[in-house]
Structure formats: C-alpha cells, structure tokens
C-alpha atoms as a PDB file:
ATOM      1  CA  GLU A   1     143.849  87.735  51.224  1.00  0.00           C
ATOM      2  CA  ALA A   2     143.228  86.317  54.686  1.00  0.00           C
ATOM      3  CA  SER A   3     144.274  89.598  56.300  1.00  0.00           C
ATOM      4  CA  ASN A   4     141.992  91.552  53.950  1.00  0.00           C
ATOM      5  CA  ALA A   5     139.060  89.305  54.758  1.00  0.00           C
ATOM      6  CA  LEU A   6     139.738  89.706  58.479  1.00  0.00           C
ATOM      7  CA  LEU A   7     139.950  93.482  58.086  1.00  0.00           C
ATOM      8  CA  GLN A   8     136.663  93.594  56.173  1.00  0.00           C
ATOM      9  CA  HIS A   9     135.034  91.458  58.837  1.00  0.00           C
ATOM     10  CA  GLN A  10     136.256  93.791  61.585  1.00  0.00           C
ATOM     11  CA  LEU A  11     135.069  96.832  59.649  1.00  0.00           C
ATOM     12  CA  LEU A  12     131.659  95.205  59.206  1.00  0.00           C
ATOM     13  CA  GLU A  13     131.427  94.519  62.934  1.00  0.00           C
ATOM     14  CA  LEU A  14     132.446  98.122  63.614  1.00  0.00           C
ATOM     15  CA  ASP A  15     129.709  99.392  61.283  1.00  0.00           C
ATOM     16  CA  ILE A  16     127.126  97.199  63.023  1.00  0.00           C
ATOM     17  CA  PHE A  17     128.268  98.439  66.435  1.00  0.00           C
ATOM     18  CA  THR A  18     128.169 102.055  65.227  1.00  0.00           C
ATOM     19  CA  ASP A  19     124.644 101.661  63.843  1.00  0.00           C
ATOM     20  CA  SER A  20     123.490 100.037  67.076  1.00  0.00           C
ATOM     21  CA  PHE A  21     125.074 102.817  69.124  1.00  0.00           C
ATOM     22  CA  LYS A  22     123.425 105.493  66.973  1.00  0.00           C
ATOM     23  CA  GLY A  23     120.084 103.720  67.307  1.00  0.00           C
ATOM     24  CA  ALA A  24     120.459 103.576  71.091  1.00  0.00           C
ATOM     25  CA  LEU A  25     121.338 107.282  71.212  1.00  0.00           C
ATOM     26  CA  GLU A  26     118.299 108.111  69.100  1.00  0.00           C
ATOM     27  CA  LYS A  27     116.004 106.051  71.335  1.00  0.00           C
ATOM     28  CA  THR A  28     117.513 107.693  74.418  1.00  0.00           C
ATOM     29  CA  HIS A  29     116.957 111.129  72.901  1.00  0.00           C
ATOM     30  CA  GLN A  30     113.334 110.270  72.067  1.00  0.00           C
ATOM     31  CA  LEU A  31     112.786 108.977  75.609  1.00  0.00           C
ATOM     32  CA  ALA A  32     114.288 112.120  77.140  1.00  0.00           C
ATOM     33  CA  LYS A  33     112.122 114.264  74.867  1.00  0.00           C
ATOM     34  CA  TYR A  34     109.029 112.284  75.864  1.00  0.00           C
ATOM     35  CA  VAL A  35     109.819 112.638  79.581  1.00  0.00           C
ATOM     36  CA  GLN A  36     110.394 116.374  79.170  1.00  0.00           C
ATOM     37  CA  HIS A  37     107.078 116.748  77.343  1.00  0.00           C
ATOM     38  CA  THR A  38     105.277 114.567  79.895  1.00  0.00           C
ATOM     39  CA  ARG A  39     106.467 116.720  82.802  1.00  0.00           C
ATOM     40  CA  GLN A  40     104.400 119.579  81.419  1.00  0.00           C
ATOM     41  CA  GLU A  41     101.169 117.604  81.878  1.00  0.00           C
ATOM     42  CA  SER A  42     100.075 116.519  85.354  1.00  0.00           C
ATOM     43  CA  GLU A  43      98.140 113.373  84.446  1.00  0.00           C
ATOM     44  CA  PRO A  44     100.729 111.542  82.288  1.00  0.00           C
ATOM     45  CA  TRP A  45     103.540 112.684  84.601  1.00  0.00           C
ATOM     46  CA  GLN A  46     101.791 111.124  87.598  1.00  0.00           C
ATOM     47  CA  LEU A  47     101.155 107.922  85.658  1.00  0.00           C
ATOM     48  CA  LEU A  48     104.791 107.755  84.522  1.00  0.00           C
ATOM     49  CA  ASN A  49     106.103 108.198  88.063  1.00  0.00           C
ATOM     50  CA  PHE A  50     103.710 105.583  89.364  1.00  0.00           C
ATOM     51  CA  LEU A  51     104.799 103.217  86.584  1.00  0.00           C
ATOM     52  CA  LEU A  52     108.400 103.532  87.764  1.00  0.00           C
ATOM     53  CA  VAL A  53     107.351 102.872  91.358  1.00  0.00           C
ATOM     54  CA  GLN A  54     105.304  99.839  90.332  1.00  0.00           C
ATOM     55  CA  SER A  55     108.275  98.460  88.382  1.00  0.00           C
ATOM     56  CA  VAL A  56     110.344  98.523  91.574  1.00  0.00           C
ATOM     57  CA  VAL A  57     107.478  96.876  93.501  1.00  0.00           C
ATOM     58  CA  VAL A  58     107.326  94.087  90.881  1.00  0.00           C
ATOM     59  CA  LEU A  59     111.007  93.308  91.353  1.00  0.00           C
ATOM     60  CA  ILE A  60     110.721  93.248  95.147  1.00  0.00           C
ATOM     61  CA  GLU A  61     107.565  91.108  95.230  1.00  0.00           C
ATOM     62  CA  ALA A  62     108.817  88.647  92.612  1.00  0.00           C
ATOM     63  CA  LEU A  63     112.252  88.314  94.243  1.00  0.00           C
ATOM     64  CA  TYR A  64     111.054  87.798  97.812  1.00  0.00           C
ATOM     65  CA  GLY A  65     108.077  85.726  96.701  1.00  0.00           C
ATOM     66  CA  THR A  66     110.405  83.325  94.891  1.00  0.00           C
ATOM     67  CA  LEU A  67     112.953  83.195  97.711  1.00  0.00           C
ATOM     68  CA  MET A  68     110.322  82.627 100.423  1.00  0.00           C
ATOM     69  CA  ASP A  69     108.039  80.472  98.267  1.00  0.00           C
ATOM     70  CA  SER A  70     105.131  82.827  98.968  1.00  0.00           C
ATOM     71  CA  GLU A  71     102.356  82.303  96.451  1.00  0.00           C
ATOM     72  CA  GLY A  72     100.679  85.447  97.737  1.00  0.00           C
ATOM     73  CA  LEU A  73     103.655  87.639  96.843  1.00  0.00           C
ATOM     74  CA  ILE A  74     104.129  85.901  93.503  1.00  0.00           C
ATOM     75  CA  SER A  75     100.455  86.442  92.706  1.00  0.00           C
ATOM     76  CA  ALA A  76     100.761  90.078  93.806  1.00  0.00           C
ATOM     77  CA  SER A  77     103.767  90.536  91.508  1.00  0.00           C
ATOM     78  CA  ALA A  78     101.753  89.140  88.588  1.00  0.00           C
ATOM     79  CA  ASP A  79      98.954  91.599  89.378  1.00  0.00           C
ATOM     80  CA  THR A  80     101.494  94.431  89.539  1.00  0.00           C
ATOM     81  CA  ILE A  81     102.927  93.449  86.149  1.00  0.00           C
ATOM     82  CA  LEU A  82      99.464  93.722  84.625  1.00  0.00           C
ATOM     83  CA  CYS A  83      99.083  97.060  86.389  1.00  0.00           C
ATOM     84  CA  CYS A  84     102.286  98.224  84.668  1.00  0.00           C
ATOM     85  CA  VAL A  85     100.867  97.067  81.340  1.00  0.00           C
ATOM     86  CA  ALA A  86      97.687  99.036  82.049  1.00  0.00           C
ATOM     87  CA  LEU A  87      99.711 102.151  82.871  1.00  0.00           C
ATOM     88  CA  LEU A  88     101.675 101.774  79.636  1.00  0.00           C
ATOM     89  CA  ILE A  89      98.416 101.485  77.673  1.00  0.00           C
ATOM     90  CA  ALA A  90      97.071 104.568  79.445  1.00  0.00           C
ATOM     91  CA  LEU A  91     100.228 106.579  78.724  1.00  0.00           C
ATOM     92  CA  TYR A  92     100.180 105.577  75.067  1.00  0.00           C
ATOM     93  CA  SER A  93      96.520 106.518  74.749  1.00  0.00           C
ATOM     94  CA  ILE A  94      97.147 109.898  76.407  1.00  0.00           C
ATOM     95  CA  SER A  95     100.071 110.626  74.068  1.00  0.00           C
ATOM     96  CA  ARG A  96      97.916 109.811  71.037  1.00  0.00           C
ATOM     97  CA  SER A  97      95.046 111.950  72.310  1.00  0.00           C
ATOM     98  CA  THR A  98      97.387 114.853  73.092  1.00  0.00           C
ATOM     99  CA  ALA A  99      98.937 114.692  69.633  1.00  0.00           C
ATOM    100  CA  ALA A 100      95.492 114.650  68.007  1.00  0.00           C
ATOM    101  CA  ALA A 101      94.318 117.574  70.150  1.00  0.00           C
ATOM    102  CA  ASP A 102      97.422 119.630  69.323  1.00  0.00           C
ATOM    103  CA  GLU A 103      96.963 118.956  65.626  1.00  0.00           C
ATOM    104  CA  ALA A 104      93.275 119.856  65.807  1.00  0.00           C
ATOM    105  CA  GLN A 105      94.088 123.111  67.582  1.00  0.00           C
ATOM    106  CA  HIS A 106      96.744 123.950  65.009  1.00  0.00           C
ATOM    107  CA  ASN A 107      94.437 123.182  62.097  1.00  0.00           C
ATOM    108  CA  HIS A 108      91.559 125.104  63.680  1.00  0.00           C
ATOM    109  CA  ILE A 109      93.524 128.319  63.214  1.00  0.00           C
ATOM    110  CA  CYS A 110      93.601 127.906  59.456  1.00  0.00           C
ATOM    111  CA  SER A 111      90.234 126.111  59.185  1.00  0.00           C
ATOM    112  CA  ALA A 112      88.671 129.089  57.350  1.00  0.00           C
ATOM    113  CA  GLU A 113      91.154 128.685  54.526  1.00  0.00           C
ATOM    114  CA  LYS A 114      91.195 124.908  54.541  1.00  0.00           C
ATOM    115  CA  PRO A 115      87.875 123.508  55.823  1.00  0.00           C
ATOM    116  CA  ARG A 116      88.683 119.990  54.636  1.00  0.00           C
ATOM    117  CA  LYS A 117      91.781 119.959  56.787  1.00  0.00           C
ATOM    118  CA  HIS A 118      89.659 121.059  59.738  1.00  0.00           C
ATOM    119  CA  LEU A 119      87.295 118.147  59.187  1.00  0.00           C
ATOM    120  CA  THR A 120      90.244 115.768  59.051  1.00  0.00           C
ATOM    121  CA  ALA A 121      91.530 117.091  62.373  1.00  0.00           C
ATOM    122  CA  PHE A 122      88.050 116.673  63.893  1.00  0.00           C
ATOM    123  CA  SER A 123      87.976 113.095  62.650  1.00  0.00           C
ATOM    124  CA  ARG A 124      91.365 112.405  64.223  1.00  0.00           C
ATOM    125  CA  THR A 125      90.263 113.929  67.523  1.00  0.00           C
ATOM    126  CA  THR A 126      87.166 111.735  67.539  1.00  0.00           C
ATOM    127  CA  SER A 127      89.327 108.741  66.746  1.00  0.00           C
ATOM    128  CA  ALA A 128      91.600 109.601  69.672  1.00  0.00           C
ATOM    129  CA  GLN A 129      88.581 109.776  72.005  1.00  0.00           C
ATOM    130  CA  ARG A 130      87.465 106.354  70.824  1.00  0.00           C
ATOM    131  CA  GLY A 131      91.031 105.200  71.406  1.00  0.00           C
ATOM    132  CA  GLU A 132      90.699 106.215  75.052  1.00  0.00           C
ATOM    133  CA  SER A 133      87.527 104.140  75.308  1.00  0.00           C
ATOM    134  CA  LEU A 134      89.321 101.224  73.641  1.00  0.00           C
ATOM    135  CA  SER A 135      92.142 101.556  76.169  1.00  0.00           C
ATOM    136  CA  GLY A 136      89.611 101.422  78.997  1.00  0.00           C
ATOM    137  CA  PHE A 137      87.978  98.371  77.413  1.00  0.00           C
ATOM    138  CA  VAL A 138      91.329  96.540  77.172  1.00  0.00           C
ATOM    139  CA  ASN A 139      92.165  97.411  80.779  1.00  0.00           C
ATOM    140  CA  GLY A 140      88.769  96.083  81.815  1.00  0.00           C
ATOM    141  CA  ILE A 141      89.529  92.776  80.095  1.00  0.00           C
ATOM    142  CA  LEU A 142      92.886  92.630  81.900  1.00  0.00           C
ATOM    143  CA  LEU A 143      91.122  93.234  85.207  1.00  0.00           C
ATOM    144  CA  VAL A 144      88.728  90.370  84.537  1.00  0.00           C
ATOM    145  CA  PHE A 145      91.725  88.128  83.801  1.00  0.00           C
ATOM    146  CA  VAL A 146      93.403  89.230  87.044  1.00  0.00           C
ATOM    147  CA  SER A 147      90.212  88.569  89.022  1.00  0.00           C
ATOM    148  CA  PHE A 148      89.839  85.010  87.728  1.00  0.00           C
ATOM    149  CA  LEU A 149      93.574  84.366  88.184  1.00  0.00           C
ATOM    150  CA  VAL A 150      93.447  85.451  91.831  1.00  0.00           C
ATOM    151  CA  PHE A 151      90.199  83.561  92.414  1.00  0.00           C
ATOM    152  CA  PHE A 152      91.511  80.227  91.112  1.00  0.00           C
ATOM    153  CA  GLU A 153      94.797  80.653  92.972  1.00  0.00           C
ATOM    154  CA  SER A 154      92.782  81.348  96.123  1.00  0.00           C
ATOM    155  CA  ILE A 155      90.973  78.043  95.708  1.00  0.00           C
ATOM    156  CA  ASP A 156      94.311  76.217  95.519  1.00  0.00           C
ATOM    157  CA  ARG A 157      95.604  77.994  98.633  1.00  0.00           C
ATOM    158  CA  LEU A 158      92.333  77.315 100.421  1.00  0.00           C
ATOM    159  CA  LEU A 159      92.671  73.578  99.813  1.00  0.00           C
ATOM    160  CA  GLU A 160      96.390  73.513 100.610  1.00  0.00           C
ATOM    161  CA  PRO A 161      97.427  76.514 102.758  1.00  0.00           C
ATOM    162  CA  PRO A 162     101.116  77.278 102.075  1.00  0.00           C
ATOM    163  CA  LEU A 163     103.734  77.888 104.748  1.00  0.00           C
ATOM    164  CA  ILE A 164     105.144  81.403 104.517  1.00  0.00           C
ATOM    165  CA  GLU A 165     107.599  83.553 106.441  1.00  0.00           C
ATOM    166  CA  SER A 166     105.206  86.039 107.935  1.00  0.00           C
ATOM    167  CA  GLY A 167     107.649  88.755 108.979  1.00  0.00           C
ATOM    168  CA  ARG A 168     109.007  89.632 105.545  1.00  0.00           C
ATOM    169  CA  VAL A 169     105.645  89.146 103.860  1.00  0.00           C
ATOM    170  CA  ILE A 170     104.116  91.683 106.251  1.00  0.00           C
ATOM    171  CA  VAL A 171     106.865  94.202 105.493  1.00  0.00           C
ATOM    172  CA  ILE A 172     106.649  93.794 101.709  1.00  0.00           C
ATOM    173  CA  SER A 173     102.846  93.793 101.578  1.00  0.00           C
ATOM    174  CA  ALA A 174     102.793  96.876 103.830  1.00  0.00           C
ATOM    175  CA  ILE A 175     105.183  98.656 101.454  1.00  0.00           C
ATOM    176  CA  GLY A 176     102.998  97.661  98.495  1.00  0.00           C
ATOM    177  CA  SER A 177      99.830  98.858 100.235  1.00  0.00           C
ATOM    178  CA  LEU A 178     101.474 102.161 101.148  1.00  0.00           C
ATOM    179  CA  LEU A 179     102.771 102.866  97.640  1.00  0.00           C
ATOM    180  CA  ASN A 180      99.480 101.893  96.010  1.00  0.00           C
ATOM    181  CA  GLY A 181      97.565 103.985  98.532  1.00  0.00           C
ATOM    182  CA  ILE A 182      99.719 106.999  97.692  1.00  0.00           C
ATOM    183  CA  GLY A 183      99.027 106.342  94.017  1.00  0.00           C
ATOM    184  CA  LEU A 184      95.289 106.360  94.655  1.00  0.00           C
ATOM    185  CA  LEU A 185      95.465 109.609  96.622  1.00  0.00           C
ATOM    186  CA  LEU A 186      97.519 111.368  93.952  1.00  0.00           C
ATOM    187  CA  PHE A 187      95.429 110.114  91.049  1.00  0.00           C
ATOM    188  CA  PRO A 188      93.461 112.861  89.196  1.00  0.00           C
ATOM    189  CA  ASN A 189      89.902 112.049  90.299  1.00  0.00           C
ATOM    190  CA  GLU A 190      88.019 114.499  88.090  1.00  0.00           C
ATOM    191  CA  SER A 191      89.750 113.323  84.914  1.00  0.00           C
ATOM    192  CA  ARG A 192      89.211 109.707  85.933  1.00  0.00           C
ATOM    193  CA  ARG A 193      85.456 110.206  86.033  1.00  0.00           C
ATOM    194  CA  GLU A 194      85.450 111.614  82.501  1.00  0.00           C
ATOM    195  CA  ASN A 195      88.085 109.420  80.886  1.00  0.00           C
ATOM    196  CA  HIS A 196      87.701 105.638  80.596  1.00  0.00           C
ATOM    197  CA  ASN A 197      91.403 105.319  79.829  1.00  0.00           C
ATOM    198  CA  LEU A 198      92.360 106.832  83.190  1.00  0.00           C
ATOM    199  CA  GLN A 199      89.525 104.967  84.872  1.00  0.00           C
ATOM    200  CA  GLY A 200      91.008 101.656  83.709  1.00  0.00           C
ATOM    201  CA  ALA A 201      94.453 102.604  85.030  1.00  0.00           C
ATOM    202  CA  TYR A 202      92.890 103.727  88.311  1.00  0.00           C
ATOM    203  CA  LEU A 203      91.064 100.414  88.733  1.00  0.00           C
ATOM    204  CA  HIS A 204      94.340  98.530  88.237  1.00  0.00           C
ATOM    205  CA  ILE A 205      95.982 100.575  90.992  1.00  0.00           C
ATOM    206  CA  TRP A 206      92.924 100.040  93.148  1.00  0.00           C
ATOM    207  CA  ALA A 207      93.060  96.278  92.504  1.00  0.00           C
ATOM    208  CA  ASN A 208      96.741  96.234  93.493  1.00  0.00           C
ATOM    209  CA  THR A 209      95.919  98.114  96.685  1.00  0.00           C
ATOM    210  CA  LEU A 210      93.204  95.596  97.550  1.00  0.00           C
ATOM    211  CA  ALA A 211      95.539  92.666  96.847  1.00  0.00           C
ATOM    212  CA  SER A 212      98.386  94.053  98.983  1.00  0.00           C
ATOM    213  CA  THR A 213      96.058  95.037 101.806  1.00  0.00           C
ATOM    214  CA  ALA A 214      94.288  91.664 101.741  1.00  0.00           C
ATOM    215  CA  LEU A 215      97.649  89.883 101.933  1.00  0.00           C
ATOM    216  CA  LEU A 216      98.762  92.092 104.833  1.00  0.00           C
ATOM    217  CA  VAL A 217      95.547  91.614 106.811  1.00  0.00           C
ATOM    218  CA  SER A 218      95.465  87.872 106.133  1.00  0.00           C
ATOM    219  CA  VAL A 219      99.000  87.353 107.436  1.00  0.00           C
ATOM    220  CA  VAL A 220      98.180  89.360 110.571  1.00  0.00           C
ATOM    221  CA  LEU A 221      95.012  87.280 111.136  1.00  0.00           C
ATOM    222  CA  ARG A 222      96.966  84.110 110.569  1.00  0.00           C
ATOM    223  CA  GLU A 223      99.584  85.041 113.148  1.00  0.00           C
ATOM    224  CA  THR A 224      97.184  86.425 115.769  1.00  0.00           C
ATOM    225  CA  LEU A 225      94.104  84.227 115.416  1.00  0.00           C
ATOM    226  CA  GLY A 226      95.575  81.182 113.676  1.00  0.00           C
ATOM    227  CA  TRP A 227      93.176  81.523 110.739  1.00  0.00           C
ATOM    228  CA  VAL A 228      95.199  79.861 107.973  1.00  0.00           C
ATOM    229  CA  GLN A 229      92.447  80.322 105.372  1.00  0.00           C
ATOM    230  CA  ALA A 230      92.415  84.103 105.802  1.00  0.00           C
ATOM    231  CA  GLU A 231      94.607  84.815 102.760  1.00  0.00           C
ATOM    232  CA  PRO A 232      92.560  82.917 100.134  1.00  0.00           C
ATOM    233  CA  VAL A 233      89.256  84.126 101.585  1.00  0.00           C
ATOM    234  CA  LEU A 234      90.280  87.799 101.568  1.00  0.00           C
ATOM    235  CA  ALA A 235      91.991  87.475  98.185  1.00  0.00           C
ATOM    236  CA  SER A 236      88.904  85.942  96.569  1.00  0.00           C
ATOM    237  CA  THR A 237      86.721  88.664  98.118  1.00  0.00           C
ATOM    238  CA  ALA A 238      89.008  91.346  96.673  1.00  0.00           C
ATOM    239  CA  ALA A 239      88.930  89.573  93.290  1.00  0.00           C
ATOM    240  CA  LEU A 240      85.111  89.612  93.322  1.00  0.00           C
ATOM    241  CA  ILE A 241      85.057  93.365  94.046  1.00  0.00           C
ATOM    242  CA  VAL A 242      87.516  94.047  91.220  1.00  0.00           C
ATOM    243  CA  LEU A 243      85.510  91.822  88.865  1.00  0.00           C
ATOM    244  CA  VAL A 244      82.328  93.830  89.458  1.00  0.00           C
ATOM    245  CA  ALA A 245      84.139  97.110  88.753  1.00  0.00           C
ATOM    246  CA  ALA A 246      85.819  95.640  85.647  1.00  0.00           C
ATOM    247  CA  VAL A 247      82.533  94.382  84.192  1.00  0.00           C
ATOM    248  CA  ARG A 248      81.015  97.821  84.686  1.00  0.00           C
ATOM    249  CA  LEU A 249      83.961  99.468  82.896  1.00  0.00           C
ATOM    250  CA  ILE A 250      83.744  96.978  80.021  1.00  0.00           C
ATOM    251  CA  SER A 251      80.012  97.631  79.671  1.00  0.00           C
ATOM    252  CA  GLN A 252      80.473 101.416  79.550  1.00  0.00           C
ATOM    253  CA  THR A 253      83.344 101.367  77.071  1.00  0.00           C
ATOM    254  CA  ALA A 254      81.679  98.743  74.863  1.00  0.00           C
ATOM    255  CA  GLN A 255      78.593 100.939  74.528  1.00  0.00           C
ATOM    256  CA  LEU A 256      80.725 103.886  73.447  1.00  0.00           C
ATOM    257  CA  LEU A 257      82.734 101.789  71.009  1.00  0.00           C
ATOM    258  CA  LEU A 258      79.468 100.517  69.524  1.00  0.00           C
ATOM    259  CA  LEU A 259      78.230 104.124  69.270  1.00  0.00           C
ATOM    260  CA  LYS A 260      75.508 103.581  71.855  1.00  0.00           C
ATOM    261  CA  ALA A 261      74.582 106.070  74.536  1.00  0.00           C
ATOM    262  CA  PRO A 262      75.851 104.770  77.915  1.00  0.00           C
ATOM    263  CA  ARG A 263      73.360 104.449  80.755  1.00  0.00           C
ATOM    264  CA  ALA A 264      73.455 107.102  83.410  1.00  0.00           C
ATOM    265  CA  SER A 265      75.363 105.882  86.456  1.00  0.00           C
END
C-alpha cells in the first residue's frame, strides 16, 4: 500500500509537471506568434524593441545605483520601470486596436448581407479608439506620479546632497541618454501626433531622456564647478517640464473620454 501511494504521488507530480510544461510551451508559442505579427507593423515593433532596451537599462541603473548608493540612478531606474509599464500599455492598446480594425475590415466585406454585424464592428472600432485615449490618460497619470516623485526626491537631495562615484554615474547616465535619444529619433512622429496612446509612450521616453541628461549634466557641473546642488535643481526642472506635458495630455484625453471636442492646440 505504501508503494502504491508513493507511485500515485509520483504520477501526480509528473502530471503537474507535464501540465506546467505544456502551459509554458503554449505561452512561448503565443509570444512567438505575437512577435512575428508585431514585426509586420512598424509602430508596435519599434515600441517592442525599445521596451527590451529599457528593460536592460533598468537592470543596469538599479544594480549600479544600489552598489554605489546613487539616489539619482535609483530614481532613474524607477522612472525607467514606469516607462516600461507605459510601453506595455501602449503595446496592449495597439494590439486591441489592430484586432478591432481587422475585424471591422473583415465584416465590412459582408456588411451588405449582415448590416447588424457591420454596426457591431463599427462599435468595436470606436471602442478601440476610446481605448487608445484611455491608454494615453493612464500614461499621463503615471507621468504626473513620476514628476512628483522626482520633485520630492530632489528636495531631499537638495537638503542633504549625497556622495556619489561620479565616473560610473557619468558612464551609465550617458548610456541612458544615448539609448533614450535614439528612441526619440526612431519614434513615429506623425502617428504620435494623431494617437494619444503613442503620445503617452513618447512622453515617457522623453521624460527618461530628460532625467538621464539632467543627471549627466549635474554630475559634470558638480565635478567641474563644485555645484553640489546641480542634480536636484536640474532634476526638479525636468520634473516640472514633464508635469506640464502630462497635464496637457490628461486634459486632451479626458475631453475625448467625456465625449467633448478637444481644444485646438
């Protein structure tokens, strides 16, 4: 009886492992299918690549910031994490909008035979467009949170300037500024102007670029001119600029979500 119970227990564990393995294979297949589909579209493919780059930047900034006790790098890593969240939201919104557009196009072919189905597809397309505005609204809220987080951390660093290892901070912040700058240059500008979802993702990348550049310039000023308050002053200035842009994005998306005509910019 003991051997039978042990055998049943081992078989149960084997079944659990098999189910887990099958689930992992299915998820991997879905991910590969999503990547293959994304490569056919320029905008989501660029966002996906930049998300991967930002994930590496998060690891580098968090690791070196912790090892060197640099609050600037730790704060930058937190900003980059929120940027990754914004990119994920943007990618999800694009996938939903693409699916709704494909379904609407498919149903438009047979709309003469089934007009009700055509109206349903139109409703889903409109819902997807509102989803893009909702994504931009959420990203705007995240940007406001980032701005206040950086601002309050800047006050703490202004009152008690931390001691940092300038050499490595300069290298890491320069790498972050370069990667974020490349992301800004490669971002689809025309689509960003028409799509609040992409506009929110763009503002997160822009905020990261400002944060990395402000950290780089502040360390250089600290080493050359001895201005120890350069980092919090520049960081708070960057936070104020991002806050203004975020409030504008929230205002525009809120008007669309409330079915109001946005003001001409």
